[in-house]
Each structure stands twice: as C-alpha cells, then as structure tokens.
Amino acid sequence: MADAIAVPVLALKGVRKSYGIGTPVETEVLHGIDLRLGRGEFCALIGPSGSGKSTLLNIIGLLDRPTSGTLEIEGTTTGDLDDAALTRLRGRSIGFVFQYHYLITAFSAVENVMMPLLVERGRPDDVMRGKAEALLARVGLERWKDSRASHLSGGQQQRVAVARALAADPVLVLADEPTGNLDTKSAEGVFELMRDVNRERGTTFLLVTHNMALARSCDRTIELVDGRVVAGQPA
C-alpha cells in the first residue's frame, strides 16, 4: 500500500471550509483537513452528526469548493479549475452512491446505469448499452435489466446505483450511507458488492457510515470530529 499512498488518488492538504464569510455568523466547519487515499484503498469515514462528514464529502466530490487549502484528484490540482472543468473531472474520475439511490423511477435499470455515459457522450449507442448490461450482470441484476426502477426492491435499486456509479470507470467512488435504508441482508450484500469491485478493479472507495460493523470491515477507518481528522491517517 505504500506505493499507492505515494501517488494518491485523492490528496487534501490544509482544507478549510467556512460559511457566512464576512458576516457576524461566520462559521468554519472544516479546520485544516489533511487526507490521502491511495489506489485500491477501501476506507470508512466515521464521525458524529455535525462533525463535517457531509461537507467534506461534497468537497472531495467536487460539488463544493474549499475556502482554503488544496485538493488533488490523481495529481490534478482542482483549485484553479472553472466549473466546466470541475464537472468534466468529476464525471471522469468520481462515482457516487448515496443513501437514497436517486434512480429515475420511470426508466429501466439499464437506462439508469447508462445515465453517466449519456451525460458524457450525448446519445445512447450499442456499446454504451452493452457496458450497462454487463455492469448489471456483475451486480446480479441481469434478469431485471429492462425492469423499471420503481418495480425493484430497495436492495436491487441500490445495486443499480452501484452499477451506475461504476459506469464511467471512476478511480474513486464516494458512498454516503449507501446501506442506511436497507435491511441487514440487503445492506451486507451491497457492501460485499462494493468490496468485490474494489478488489477486482482496484477502485478506491470512501464509505461514509454510522454502521461500525461495516467500518471495521474496511481497510482503514478515518474518524472526523468537530471538523478535524482525529484518527485513521497512515503514518
């Protein structure tokens, strides 16, 4: 793992985030975050409510900008990129799995998986559909590829969401409480699916969770308290 850490997929240095800047209610939520994730790592991000996990995940996912500090994705420094360049980098390098799957319920499973590719390429084609079908087969949903998302169970919908997150071959997947709305069996199945993808494809995962059993099953647990990383950084 040392070589992977030396050339990180993700690197944050001195990242701070404040809201209400210049007003009497200015509040700093993140206080100088230093964090690195190497290729193929599978990490949990834990911390109490209000610790800054969501803010940090939004910054890592290029959905928000830090107030100060630097953020690099595969060596690309993001601070000087405009919004269009950030969008391209996010679409190319980062996949998202949320607690609620955010599928388009009127679309089929395969159409939902194709969405990130449609954003990139503009129109569907046979190659795109073939890739989406292969991903659905990988997550055990080949039989349901043409079923509407609204007709799938919660666990099946979350598996579609995992397949969608992998459609653009991201180097980093951010999973925000991806098993929080699932029963125990479905949650374990989704977690093992992500773990298998991590091992087979070398995809880096950062999993936000309150489930300590899942966190203990990760390679590394990063703990955030009051906007500071207090545990989980490699020496």
Protein backbone atom coordinates (compact mmCIF):
# COMPACT_ATOMS: atom_id res chain seq x y z
CA MET A 1 0.00 0.00 0.00
CA ALA A 2 2.96 2.33 0.46
CA ASP A 3 3.41 2.77 -3.30
CA ALA A 4 -0.29 3.57 -3.73
CA ILE A 5 -0.15 6.18 -0.98
CA ALA A 6 2.94 7.76 -2.60
CA VAL A 7 0.86 8.55 -5.72
CA PRO A 8 -2.58 9.18 -4.21
CA VAL A 9 -5.89 9.06 -6.00
CA LEU A 10 -7.03 11.77 -3.58
CA ALA A 11 -4.93 14.29 -1.68
CA LEU A 12 -6.18 17.08 0.58
CA LYS A 13 -3.81 19.47 2.32
CA GLY A 14 -4.91 22.09 4.81
CA VAL A 15 -8.50 22.08 3.54
CA ARG A 16 -10.78 24.50 5.38
CA LYS A 17 -14.41 25.35 4.76
CA SER A 18 -16.29 28.31 6.19
CA TYR A 19 -19.83 29.55 5.72
CA GLY A 20 -21.19 33.06 6.15
CA ILE A 21 -17.78 34.57 5.41
CA GLY A 22 -17.56 38.22 6.40
CA THR A 23 -20.77 38.13 8.43
CA PRO A 24 -21.30 38.02 12.21
CA VAL A 25 -22.30 34.34 11.91
CA GLU A 26 -19.20 33.20 10.00
CA THR A 27 -18.52 29.58 10.90
CA GLU A 28 -15.60 27.34 10.00
CA VAL A 29 -16.79 23.75 9.57
CA LEU A 30 -13.56 22.07 8.41
CA HIS A 31 -10.32 23.02 10.15
CA GLY A 32 -7.28 22.17 8.04
CA ILE A 33 -8.03 18.67 6.74
CA ASP A 34 -5.05 16.60 5.55
CA LEU A 35 -6.11 13.35 3.86
CA ARG A 36 -4.74 10.96 1.25
CA LEU A 37 -6.28 7.89 -0.34
CA GLY A 38 -4.21 5.52 -2.43
CA ARG A 39 -5.31 3.50 -5.41
CA GLY A 40 -7.29 0.46 -4.37
CA GLU A 41 -7.93 1.57 -0.79
CA PHE A 42 -11.28 0.82 0.82
CA CYS A 43 -11.85 3.31 3.63
CA ALA A 44 -14.62 4.22 6.03
CA LEU A 45 -15.28 7.80 7.11
CA ILE A 46 -16.97 7.97 10.50
CA GLY A 47 -17.88 10.67 13.00
CA PRO A 48 -20.82 12.03 14.96
CA SER A 49 -23.56 14.09 13.36
CA GLY A 50 -22.33 17.63 12.80
CA SER A 51 -18.67 16.58 12.54
CA GLY A 52 -18.39 17.82 8.95
CA LYS A 53 -18.61 14.50 7.06
CA SER A 54 -21.14 15.73 4.50
CA THR A 55 -19.23 18.95 3.94
CA LEU A 56 -16.01 17.03 3.44
CA LEU A 57 -17.65 14.56 1.05
CA ASN A 58 -19.11 17.42 -1.03
CA ILE A 59 -15.66 18.97 -1.34
CA ILE A 60 -13.98 15.68 -2.24
CA GLY A 61 -16.74 15.04 -4.79
CA LEU A 62 -16.11 18.47 -6.38
CA LEU A 63 -19.66 19.55 -5.55
CA ASP A 64 -18.36 22.39 -3.37
CA ARG A 65 -15.09 24.29 -3.13
CA PRO A 66 -12.93 24.65 -0.02
CA THR A 67 -12.39 28.09 1.46
CA SER A 68 -8.66 27.39 1.52
CA GLY A 69 -6.22 24.52 1.13
CA THR A 70 -5.60 22.22 -1.83
CA LEU A 71 -7.43 19.24 -3.30
CA GLU A 72 -5.92 16.95 -5.91
CA ILE A 73 -7.54 14.12 -7.86
CA GLU A 74 -4.92 11.83 -9.43
CA GLY A 75 -2.41 14.66 -9.27
CA THR A 76 -4.72 17.28 -10.81
CA THR A 77 -4.98 20.35 -8.57
CA THR A 78 -8.61 21.46 -8.62
CA GLY A 79 -8.36 24.94 -7.13
CA ASP A 80 -7.78 26.75 -10.44
CA LEU A 81 -10.33 24.79 -12.47
CA ASP A 82 -13.50 26.52 -13.62
CA ASP A 83 -16.91 24.93 -13.12
CA ALA A 84 -16.93 23.25 -16.54
CA ALA A 85 -13.51 21.69 -15.94
CA LEU A 86 -14.58 20.51 -12.48
CA THR A 87 -17.67 18.91 -13.99
CA ARG A 88 -15.55 17.05 -16.55
CA LEU A 89 -13.11 15.87 -13.89
CA ARG A 90 -15.93 14.75 -11.61
CA GLY A 91 -17.65 12.83 -14.42
CA ARG A 92 -14.42 11.15 -15.46
CA SER A 93 -12.90 10.30 -12.08
CA ILE A 94 -15.59 10.10 -9.37
CA GLY A 95 -18.62 7.88 -8.88
CA PHE A 96 -21.32 8.46 -6.26
CA VAL A 97 -23.53 6.09 -4.28
CA PHE A 98 -25.96 7.78 -1.91
CA GLN A 99 -28.14 6.56 0.95
CA TYR A 100 -31.15 7.13 -1.27
CA HIS A 101 -30.43 5.71 -4.71
CA TYR A 102 -31.81 8.66 -6.76
CA LEU A 103 -32.78 6.45 -9.67
CA ILE A 104 -35.18 7.74 -12.32
CA THR A 105 -38.11 5.53 -11.44
CA ALA A 106 -39.77 5.67 -14.86
CA PHE A 107 -36.55 4.44 -16.52
CA SER A 108 -35.39 0.84 -16.67
CA ALA A 109 -32.43 -0.43 -14.71
CA VAL A 110 -30.19 -0.41 -17.79
CA GLU A 111 -31.27 3.12 -18.72
CA ASN A 112 -30.39 4.34 -15.24
CA VAL A 113 -26.93 2.77 -15.44
CA MET A 114 -26.39 4.43 -18.83
CA MET A 115 -27.08 7.94 -17.49
CA PRO A 116 -23.45 8.93 -16.66
CA LEU A 117 -22.38 7.79 -20.12
CA LEU A 118 -25.21 9.74 -21.75
CA VAL A 119 -24.08 12.89 -19.97
CA GLU A 120 -20.60 12.36 -21.38
CA ARG A 121 -21.48 11.22 -24.91
CA GLY A 122 -24.86 12.82 -25.58
CA ARG A 123 -26.71 9.91 -27.15
CA PRO A 124 -27.07 6.18 -26.46
CA ASP A 125 -25.44 3.52 -28.60
CA ASP A 126 -25.00 -0.24 -28.58
CA VAL A 127 -21.57 -0.05 -26.92
CA MET A 128 -22.99 2.04 -24.09
CA ARG A 129 -25.92 -0.30 -23.57
CA GLY A 130 -23.65 -3.33 -23.66
CA LYS A 131 -21.46 -1.85 -20.95
CA ALA A 132 -24.51 -1.04 -18.78
CA GLU A 133 -25.87 -4.57 -19.23
CA ALA A 134 -22.50 -6.06 -18.28
CA LEU A 135 -22.44 -3.96 -15.10
CA LEU A 136 -25.95 -5.08 -14.18
CA ALA A 137 -24.89 -8.68 -14.71
CA ARG A 138 -21.93 -8.01 -12.44
CA VAL A 139 -24.26 -6.83 -9.64
CA GLY A 140 -26.60 -9.80 -10.13
CA LEU A 141 -29.41 -7.98 -11.93
CA GLU A 142 -29.15 -9.26 -15.50
CA ARG A 143 -32.72 -10.65 -15.34
CA TRP A 144 -34.05 -7.26 -14.27
CA LYS A 145 -32.15 -5.05 -16.72
CA ASP A 146 -35.33 -3.96 -18.53
CA SER A 147 -37.46 -3.61 -15.38
CA ARG A 148 -38.47 -0.14 -14.30
CA ALA A 149 -36.58 1.06 -11.25
CA SER A 150 -39.90 1.53 -9.44
CA HIS A 151 -40.54 -2.22 -9.74
CA LEU A 152 -37.29 -3.22 -8.00
CA SER A 153 -36.74 -3.87 -4.31
CA GLY A 154 -34.70 -1.47 -2.18
CA GLY A 155 -31.65 -3.72 -2.29
CA GLN A 156 -31.97 -4.15 -6.06
CA GLN A 157 -32.31 -0.39 -6.56
CA GLN A 158 -29.14 0.21 -4.56
CA ARG A 159 -27.32 -2.36 -6.67
CA VAL A 160 -28.39 -0.44 -9.76
CA ALA A 161 -26.99 2.69 -8.09
CA VAL A 162 -23.65 0.95 -7.54
CA ALA A 163 -23.57 -0.15 -11.20
CA ARG A 164 -24.39 3.42 -12.27
CA ALA A 165 -21.53 4.76 -10.11
CA LEU A 166 -19.13 2.43 -11.96
CA ALA A 167 -20.36 3.20 -15.48
CA ALA A 168 -17.67 5.77 -16.29
CA ASP A 169 -14.86 3.65 -14.76
CA PRO A 170 -14.09 6.13 -11.95
CA VAL A 171 -10.89 5.82 -9.93
CA LEU A 172 -12.74 6.94 -6.79
CA VAL A 173 -16.23 6.04 -5.54
CA LEU A 174 -17.80 8.08 -2.74
CA ALA A 175 -20.54 6.21 -0.90
CA ASP A 176 -22.65 8.26 1.53
CA GLU A 177 -24.50 5.89 3.91
CA PRO A 178 -25.19 3.55 0.97
CA THR A 179 -26.74 0.87 3.19
CA GLY A 180 -28.60 3.16 5.58
CA ASN A 181 -32.07 2.48 4.12
CA LEU A 182 -31.63 -1.26 3.66
CA ASP A 183 -32.43 -4.29 5.79
CA THR A 184 -29.46 -6.18 7.22
CA LYS A 185 -29.26 -8.82 4.48
CA SER A 186 -29.52 -6.28 1.65
CA ALA A 187 -27.00 -3.99 3.37
CA GLU A 188 -24.48 -6.80 3.67
CA GLY A 189 -25.00 -7.70 0.01
CA VAL A 190 -24.41 -4.13 -1.21
CA PHE A 191 -21.33 -3.79 1.00
CA GLU A 192 -19.85 -7.06 -0.28
CA LEU A 193 -20.57 -5.97 -3.85
CA MET A 194 -18.58 -2.76 -3.35
CA ARG A 195 -15.82 -4.73 -1.66
CA ASP A 196 -15.64 -7.15 -4.59
CA VAL A 197 -15.43 -4.27 -7.08
CA ASN A 198 -12.67 -2.71 -5.01
CA ARG A 199 -10.64 -5.93 -5.03
CA GLU A 200 -11.24 -6.86 -8.66
CA ARG A 201 -10.95 -3.44 -10.32
CA GLY A 202 -8.68 -1.59 -7.90
CA THR A 203 -11.28 1.15 -7.48
CA THR A 204 -10.74 3.35 -4.43
CA PHE A 205 -13.76 3.64 -2.12
CA LEU A 206 -14.54 6.16 0.63
CA LEU A 207 -17.58 4.95 2.55
CA VAL A 208 -19.39 7.27 4.97
CA THR A 209 -21.21 5.17 7.55
CA HIS A 210 -22.57 5.09 11.08
CA ASN A 211 -22.50 1.28 10.96
CA MET A 212 -19.41 0.37 12.96
CA ALA A 213 -19.56 -3.27 11.88
CA LEU A 214 -19.21 -2.16 8.26
CA ALA A 215 -16.50 0.35 9.19
CA ARG A 216 -14.46 -2.38 10.88
CA SER A 217 -14.63 -4.41 7.66
CA CYS A 218 -12.86 -1.63 5.73
CA ASP A 219 -9.09 -1.39 5.29
CA ARG A 220 -8.89 1.91 7.15
CA THR A 221 -11.28 3.93 9.29
CA ILE A 222 -10.91 7.72 9.17
CA GLU A 223 -12.57 9.50 12.06
CA LEU A 224 -13.75 13.09 11.80
CA VAL A 225 -14.64 15.04 14.96
CA ASP A 226 -15.52 18.74 15.03
CA GLY A 227 -14.15 19.25 11.53
CA ARG A 228 -10.78 17.61 12.20
CA VAL A 229 -9.36 14.20 11.30
CA VAL A 230 -8.54 12.62 14.66
CA ALA A 231 -7.74 9.05 13.59
CA GLY A 232 -7.10 6.93 10.55
CA GLN A 233 -4.31 8.69 8.69
CA PRO A 234 -1.38 6.46 7.73
CA ALA A 235 1.93 7.30 9.38
